Amino acid sequence: MGLKVFNSRSARFAFISVTAILASLAVFAWVTVPRFFYPMDHADSVEAHARANGLDPYLVMAVIKAESGFKADARSGGGALGLMQVTDATASWIAGMVGKEYNVRDLLDPEANIGYGCWYLGWLMLMFGDERTALAAYNSGHNNVLRWLGDEEVSMDGLALSKIPYRETANFVRRVQSYRDVYVSLYPGRWR
């Protein structure tokens, strides 16, 4: 005894209200939670530098996520710095190629780091003509990839890699391509 029963009209209203709130929360979580893990930080810089170097901005976002997790001050054990994990030697070489003054501190500046990383990735795409091979070179160095292309066990045609011999590099390429697919699905129509 003592349980108060709602009339059917108020019970229906309460059920519909709770259902609507739960549905709204589910939609919010469905859209917001994945975007939290796949941010669009520095999107304007990414778009400008990607386009200037013939790259897909979604691909550049994926490289940044894989390389640094969007930490502008990221440093690797191998000496790579910043969002796109560019080494001092690579950035110095790029600066010389484009006739630009360079200081290693530039690599901790997101705008400059994205500029160097996009230039280098764009150069690798032109050099190799294949995204997977260019990404492998971005991770392991273009001289390693040039050597691998001469090995029939990892390159059937000498132009593209059919197998990536370094596990870390193979994982990097898979992650970047997977992240790019997620970015495209989470932010459709942002770029294309």
C-alpha atoms as a PDB file:
ATOM      1  CA  MET A   1       0.000   0.000   0.000  1.00  0.00           C
ATOM      2  CA  GLY A   2       1.196   3.363  -0.299  1.00  0.00           C
ATOM      3  CA  LEU A   3       2.432   3.342  -3.934  1.00  0.00           C
ATOM      4  CA  LYS A   4       0.859   6.230  -5.706  1.00  0.00           C
ATOM      5  CA  VAL A   5      -0.146   5.377  -9.264  1.00  0.00           C
ATOM      6  CA  PHE A   6       0.120   8.054 -11.926  1.00  0.00           C
ATOM      7  CA  ASN A   7      -2.817   8.479 -14.209  1.00  0.00           C
ATOM      8  CA  SER A   8      -2.151   7.228 -17.716  1.00  0.00           C
ATOM      9  CA  ARG A   9      -1.814  10.725 -19.194  1.00  0.00           C
ATOM     10  CA  SER A  10       0.913  11.850 -16.754  1.00  0.00           C
ATOM     11  CA  ALA A  11       2.668   8.459 -17.023  1.00  0.00           C
ATOM     12  CA  ARG A  12       2.749   8.765 -20.828  1.00  0.00           C
ATOM     13  CA  PHE A  13       4.076  12.331 -20.579  1.00  0.00           C
ATOM     14  CA  ALA A  14       6.804  11.261 -18.127  1.00  0.00           C
ATOM     15  CA  PHE A  15       7.787   8.293 -20.325  1.00  0.00           C
ATOM     16  CA  ILE A  16       7.952  10.448 -23.469  1.00  0.00           C
ATOM     17  CA  SER A  17       9.944  13.155 -21.657  1.00  0.00           C
ATOM     18  CA  VAL A  18      12.486  10.703 -20.267  1.00  0.00           C
ATOM     19  CA  THR A  19      12.772   8.960 -23.633  1.00  0.00           C
ATOM     20  CA  ALA A  20      13.342  12.278 -25.421  1.00  0.00           C
ATOM     21  CA  ILE A  21      16.024  13.293 -22.924  1.00  0.00           C
ATOM     22  CA  LEU A  22      17.802   9.942 -23.231  1.00  0.00           C
ATOM     23  CA  ALA A  23      17.646  10.085 -27.028  1.00  0.00           C
ATOM     24  CA  SER A  24      19.088  13.612 -27.008  1.00  0.00           C
ATOM     25  CA  LEU A  25      21.912  12.517 -24.708  1.00  0.00           C
ATOM     26  CA  ALA A  26      22.649   9.517 -26.919  1.00  0.00           C
ATOM     27  CA  VAL A  27      22.857  11.695 -30.048  1.00  0.00           C
ATOM     28  CA  PHE A  28      25.045  14.227 -28.213  1.00  0.00           C
ATOM     29  CA  ALA A  29      27.397  11.460 -27.039  1.00  0.00           C
ATOM     30  CA  TRP A  30      27.407   9.781 -30.461  1.00  0.00           C
ATOM     31  CA  VAL A  31      28.607  13.005 -32.105  1.00  0.00           C
ATOM     32  CA  THR A  32      30.657  14.631 -29.337  1.00  0.00           C
ATOM     33  CA  VAL A  33      32.612  11.783 -27.766  1.00  0.00           C
ATOM     34  CA  PRO A  34      34.322  10.604 -30.978  1.00  0.00           C
ATOM     35  CA  ARG A  35      35.166  14.211 -31.901  1.00  0.00           C
ATOM     36  CA  PHE A  36      36.848  14.627 -28.527  1.00  0.00           C
ATOM     37  CA  PHE A  37      39.281  11.864 -29.514  1.00  0.00           C
ATOM     38  CA  TYR A  38      39.651  13.181 -33.079  1.00  0.00           C
ATOM     39  CA  PRO A  39      40.075  16.932 -32.640  1.00  0.00           C
ATOM     40  CA  MET A  40      40.385  19.513 -35.387  1.00  0.00           C
ATOM     41  CA  ASP A  41      43.000  21.635 -33.625  1.00  0.00           C
ATOM     42  CA  HIS A  42      44.903  23.971 -35.965  1.00  0.00           C
ATOM     43  CA  ALA A  43      42.420  23.229 -38.767  1.00  0.00           C
ATOM     44  CA  ASP A  44      43.048  26.520 -40.598  1.00  0.00           C
ATOM     45  CA  SER A  45      46.825  25.962 -40.648  1.00  0.00           C
ATOM     46  CA  VAL A  46      46.373  22.344 -41.659  1.00  0.00           C
ATOM     47  CA  GLU A  47      44.089  23.275 -44.526  1.00  0.00           C
ATOM     48  CA  ALA A  48      46.348  26.081 -45.802  1.00  0.00           C
ATOM     49  CA  HIS A  49      49.572  24.058 -45.681  1.00  0.00           C
ATOM     50  CA  ALA A  50      47.966  20.851 -46.930  1.00  0.00           C
ATOM     51  CA  ARG A  51      46.447  22.592 -49.949  1.00  0.00           C
ATOM     52  CA  ALA A  52      49.704  24.459 -50.675  1.00  0.00           C
ATOM     53  CA  ASN A  53      51.509  21.107 -50.819  1.00  0.00           C
ATOM     54  CA  GLY A  54      48.884  19.093 -52.720  1.00  0.00           C
ATOM     55  CA  LEU A  55      47.775  17.085 -49.687  1.00  0.00           C
ATOM     56  CA  ASP A  56      44.436  15.995 -48.298  1.00  0.00           C
ATOM     57  CA  PRO A  57      43.860  17.967 -45.052  1.00  0.00           C
ATOM     58  CA  TYR A  58      42.203  14.898 -43.514  1.00  0.00           C
ATOM     59  CA  LEU A  59      45.438  12.977 -44.110  1.00  0.00           C
ATOM     60  CA  VAL A  60      47.466  15.716 -42.410  1.00  0.00           C
ATOM     61  CA  MET A  61      45.129  15.663 -39.385  1.00  0.00           C
ATOM     62  CA  ALA A  62      45.633  11.900 -39.224  1.00  0.00           C
ATOM     63  CA  VAL A  63      49.431  12.276 -39.350  1.00  0.00           C
ATOM     64  CA  ILE A  64      49.313  14.820 -36.510  1.00  0.00           C
ATOM     65  CA  LYS A  65      47.109  12.522 -34.415  1.00  0.00           C
ATOM     66  CA  ALA A  66      49.441   9.576 -35.033  1.00  0.00           C
ATOM     67  CA  GLU A  67      52.682  11.493 -34.555  1.00  0.00           C
ATOM     68  CA  SER A  68      51.980  13.715 -31.550  1.00  0.00           C
ATOM     69  CA  GLY A  69      48.373  13.349 -30.430  1.00  0.00           C
ATOM     70  CA  PHE A  70      48.080  17.116 -31.061  1.00  0.00           C
ATOM     71  CA  LYS A  71      50.748  17.987 -28.471  1.00  0.00           C
ATOM     72  CA  ALA A  72      52.626  20.974 -29.912  1.00  0.00           C
ATOM     73  CA  ASP A  73      55.582  20.374 -27.581  1.00  0.00           C
ATOM     74  CA  ALA A  74      55.884  16.632 -28.315  1.00  0.00           C
ATOM     75  CA  ARG A  75      59.430  15.275 -28.485  1.00  0.00           C
ATOM     76  CA  SER A  76      60.406  11.806 -29.646  1.00  0.00           C
ATOM     77  CA  GLY A  77      63.360   9.745 -28.536  1.00  0.00           C
ATOM     78  CA  GLY A  78      64.741  10.172 -32.060  1.00  0.00           C
ATOM     79  CA  GLY A  79      64.764  13.956 -31.804  1.00  0.00           C
ATOM     80  CA  ALA A  80      61.588  14.722 -33.751  1.00  0.00           C
ATOM     81  CA  LEU A  81      59.658  17.727 -32.471  1.00  0.00           C
ATOM     82  CA  GLY A  82      56.189  19.234 -32.521  1.00  0.00           C
ATOM     83  CA  LEU A  83      52.825  18.310 -33.947  1.00  0.00           C
ATOM     84  CA  MET A  84      54.114  16.534 -37.053  1.00  0.00           C
ATOM     85  CA  GLN A  85      57.304  15.239 -35.390  1.00  0.00           C
ATOM     86  CA  VAL A  86      59.803  16.834 -37.766  1.00  0.00           C
ATOM     87  CA  THR A  87      63.510  16.414 -36.999  1.00  0.00           C
ATOM     88  CA  ASP A  88      65.904  19.338 -36.807  1.00  0.00           C
ATOM     89  CA  ALA A  89      67.900  17.933 -39.742  1.00  0.00           C
ATOM     90  CA  THR A  90      64.805  17.570 -41.939  1.00  0.00           C
ATOM     91  CA  ALA A  91      63.496  21.046 -41.118  1.00  0.00           C
ATOM     92  CA  SER A  92      66.924  22.590 -41.721  1.00  0.00           C
ATOM     93  CA  TRP A  93      67.106  20.836 -45.107  1.00  0.00           C
ATOM     94  CA  ILE A  94      63.567  22.002 -46.004  1.00  0.00           C
ATOM     95  CA  ALA A  95      64.403  25.590 -44.998  1.00  0.00           C
ATOM     96  CA  GLY A  96      67.415  25.474 -47.319  1.00  0.00           C
ATOM     97  CA  MET A  97      65.290  24.043 -50.142  1.00  0.00           C
ATOM     98  CA  VAL A  98      62.711  26.836 -49.858  1.00  0.00           C
ATOM     99  CA  GLY A  99      65.170  29.621 -48.993  1.00  0.00           C
ATOM    100  CA  LYS A 100      63.824  30.273 -45.513  1.00  0.00           C
ATOM    101  CA  GLU A 101      65.555  31.223 -42.268  1.00  0.00           C
ATOM    102  CA  TYR A 102      65.363  28.399 -39.750  1.00  0.00           C
ATOM    103  CA  ASN A 103      65.709  27.959 -36.005  1.00  0.00           C
ATOM    104  CA  VAL A 104      65.036  24.670 -34.196  1.00  0.00           C
ATOM    105  CA  ARG A 105      62.558  26.519 -31.928  1.00  0.00           C
ATOM    106  CA  ASP A 106      60.356  26.879 -35.024  1.00  0.00           C
ATOM    107  CA  LEU A 107      59.468  23.207 -34.701  1.00  0.00           C
ATOM    108  CA  LEU A 108      57.611  23.872 -31.447  1.00  0.00           C
ATOM    109  CA  ASP A 109      55.463  26.528 -33.140  1.00  0.00           C
ATOM    110  CA  PRO A 110      52.345  24.758 -34.487  1.00  0.00           C
ATOM    111  CA  GLU A 111      52.069  26.899 -37.635  1.00  0.00           C
ATOM    112  CA  ALA A 112      55.721  26.445 -38.584  1.00  0.00           C
ATOM    113  CA  ASN A 113      55.740  22.741 -37.689  1.00  0.00           C
ATOM    114  CA  ILE A 114      52.668  22.073 -39.820  1.00  0.00           C
ATOM    115  CA  GLY A 115      54.333  23.993 -42.646  1.00  0.00           C
ATOM    116  CA  TYR A 116      57.503  21.892 -42.481  1.00  0.00           C
ATOM    117  CA  GLY A 117      55.610  18.625 -42.049  1.00  0.00           C
ATOM    118  CA  CYS A 118      53.260  19.317 -44.970  1.00  0.00           C
ATOM    119  CA  TRP A 119      56.114  20.396 -47.233  1.00  0.00           C
ATOM    120  CA  TYR A 120      58.002  17.201 -46.447  1.00  0.00           C
ATOM    121  CA  LEU A 121      54.969  14.926 -46.851  1.00  0.00           C
ATOM    122  CA  GLY A 122      54.065  16.677 -50.112  1.00  0.00           C
ATOM    123  CA  TRP A 123      57.629  16.197 -51.370  1.00  0.00           C
ATOM    124  CA  LEU A 124      57.473  12.507 -50.447  1.00  0.00           C
ATOM    125  CA  MET A 125      54.137  12.125 -52.263  1.00  0.00           C
ATOM    126  CA  LEU A 126      55.716  13.635 -55.394  1.00  0.00           C
ATOM    127  CA  MET A 127      58.821  11.501 -55.000  1.00  0.00           C
ATOM    128  CA  PHE A 128      57.020   8.193 -54.547  1.00  0.00           C
ATOM    129  CA  GLY A 129      53.627   8.814 -56.173  1.00  0.00           C
ATOM    130  CA  ASP A 130      51.968   6.443 -53.717  1.00  0.00           C
ATOM    131  CA  GLU A 131      50.388   7.473 -50.402  1.00  0.00           C
ATOM    132  CA  ARG A 132      51.290   4.320 -48.497  1.00  0.00           C
ATOM    133  CA  THR A 133      54.914   4.482 -49.619  1.00  0.00           C
ATOM    134  CA  ALA A 134      55.135   8.215 -48.872  1.00  0.00           C
ATOM    135  CA  LEU A 135      53.745   7.662 -45.370  1.00  0.00           C
ATOM    136  CA  ALA A 136      56.292   4.902 -44.801  1.00  0.00           C
ATOM    137  CA  ALA A 137      59.029   7.334 -45.854  1.00  0.00           C
ATOM    138  CA  TYR A 138      57.629  10.037 -43.563  1.00  0.00           C
ATOM    139  CA  ASN A 139      57.968   7.652 -40.643  1.00  0.00           C
ATOM    140  CA  SER A 140      61.195   5.803 -41.416  1.00  0.00           C
ATOM    141  CA  GLY A 141      63.016   8.151 -43.796  1.00  0.00           C
ATOM    142  CA  HIS A 142      63.030   8.314 -47.558  1.00  0.00           C
ATOM    143  CA  ASN A 143      66.466   6.669 -47.855  1.00  0.00           C
ATOM    144  CA  ASN A 144      65.157   3.547 -46.099  1.00  0.00           C
ATOM    145  CA  VAL A 145      62.194   3.425 -48.459  1.00  0.00           C
ATOM    146  CA  LEU A 146      64.430   3.890 -51.515  1.00  0.00           C
ATOM    147  CA  ARG A 147      66.451   0.887 -50.312  1.00  0.00           C
ATOM    148  CA  TRP A 148      63.269  -1.152 -49.694  1.00  0.00           C
ATOM    149  CA  LEU A 149      61.981  -0.406 -53.199  1.00  0.00           C
ATOM    150  CA  GLY A 150      65.000  -2.284 -54.554  1.00  0.00           C
ATOM    151  CA  ASP A 151      64.042  -5.398 -52.600  1.00  0.00           C
ATOM    152  CA  GLU A 152      61.701  -7.700 -54.530  1.00  0.00           C
ATOM    153  CA  GLU A 153      60.402  -9.176 -51.258  1.00  0.00           C
ATOM    154  CA  VAL A 154      58.815  -5.851 -50.243  1.00  0.00           C
ATOM    155  CA  SER A 155      58.249  -4.136 -53.606  1.00  0.00           C
ATOM    156  CA  MET A 156      57.011  -6.050 -56.615  1.00  0.00           C
ATOM    157  CA  ASP A 157      57.490  -3.156 -59.063  1.00  0.00           C
ATOM    158  CA  GLY A 158      60.223  -1.022 -57.500  1.00  0.00           C
ATOM    159  CA  LEU A 159      57.774   1.895 -57.309  1.00  0.00           C
ATOM    160  CA  ALA A 160      55.522   1.125 -54.342  1.00  0.00           C
ATOM    161  CA  LEU A 161      55.833  -0.986 -51.233  1.00  0.00           C
ATOM    162  CA  SER A 162      53.747  -4.150 -51.170  1.00  0.00           C
ATOM    163  CA  LYS A 163      55.084  -4.932 -47.687  1.00  0.00           C
ATOM    164  CA  ILE A 164      56.653  -2.639 -45.089  1.00  0.00           C
ATOM    165  CA  PRO A 165      59.561  -4.394 -43.369  1.00  0.00           C
ATOM    166  CA  TYR A 166      59.625  -2.279 -40.181  1.00  0.00           C
ATOM    167  CA  ARG A 167      56.768  -3.156 -37.821  1.00  0.00           C
ATOM    168  CA  GLU A 168      56.696   0.367 -36.316  1.00  0.00           C
ATOM    169  CA  THR A 169      56.426   1.912 -39.788  1.00  0.00           C
ATOM    170  CA  ALA A 170      53.769  -0.560 -40.942  1.00  0.00           C
ATOM    171  CA  ASN A 171      51.733   0.240 -37.807  1.00  0.00           C
ATOM    172  CA  PHE A 172      52.188   3.976 -38.378  1.00  0.00           C
ATOM    173  CA  VAL A 173      50.899   3.737 -41.951  1.00  0.00           C
ATOM    174  CA  ARG A 174      47.883   1.652 -40.870  1.00  0.00           C
ATOM    175  CA  ARG A 175      47.073   4.071 -38.030  1.00  0.00           C
ATOM    176  CA  VAL A 176      47.310   7.149 -40.253  1.00  0.00           C
ATOM    177  CA  GLN A 177      45.083   5.663 -42.936  1.00  0.00           C
ATOM    178  CA  SER A 178      42.583   4.492 -40.321  1.00  0.00           C
ATOM    179  CA  TYR A 179      42.585   7.872 -38.563  1.00  0.00           C
ATOM    180  CA  ARG A 180      42.030   9.611 -41.881  1.00  0.00           C
ATOM    181  CA  ASP A 181      38.949   7.450 -42.511  1.00  0.00           C
ATOM    182  CA  VAL A 182      37.601   8.374 -39.066  1.00  0.00           C
ATOM    183  CA  TYR A 183      38.228  12.089 -39.696  1.00  0.00           C
ATOM    184  CA  VAL A 184      36.354  11.892 -43.006  1.00  0.00           C
ATOM    185  CA  SER A 185      33.388  10.196 -41.317  1.00  0.00           C
ATOM    186  CA  LEU A 186      33.294  12.556 -38.316  1.00  0.00           C
ATOM    187  CA  TYR A 187      33.732  15.768 -40.312  1.00  0.00           C
ATOM    188  CA  PRO A 188      32.122  15.031 -43.694  1.00  0.00           C
ATOM    189  CA  GLY A 189      32.250  17.878 -46.147  1.00  0.00           C
ATOM    190  CA  ARG A 190      34.746  19.896 -44.092  1.00  0.00           C
ATOM    191  CA  TRP A 191      37.315  19.419 -46.841  1.00  0.00           C
ATOM    192  CA  ARG A 192      37.180  17.830 -50.286  1.00  0.00           C
END
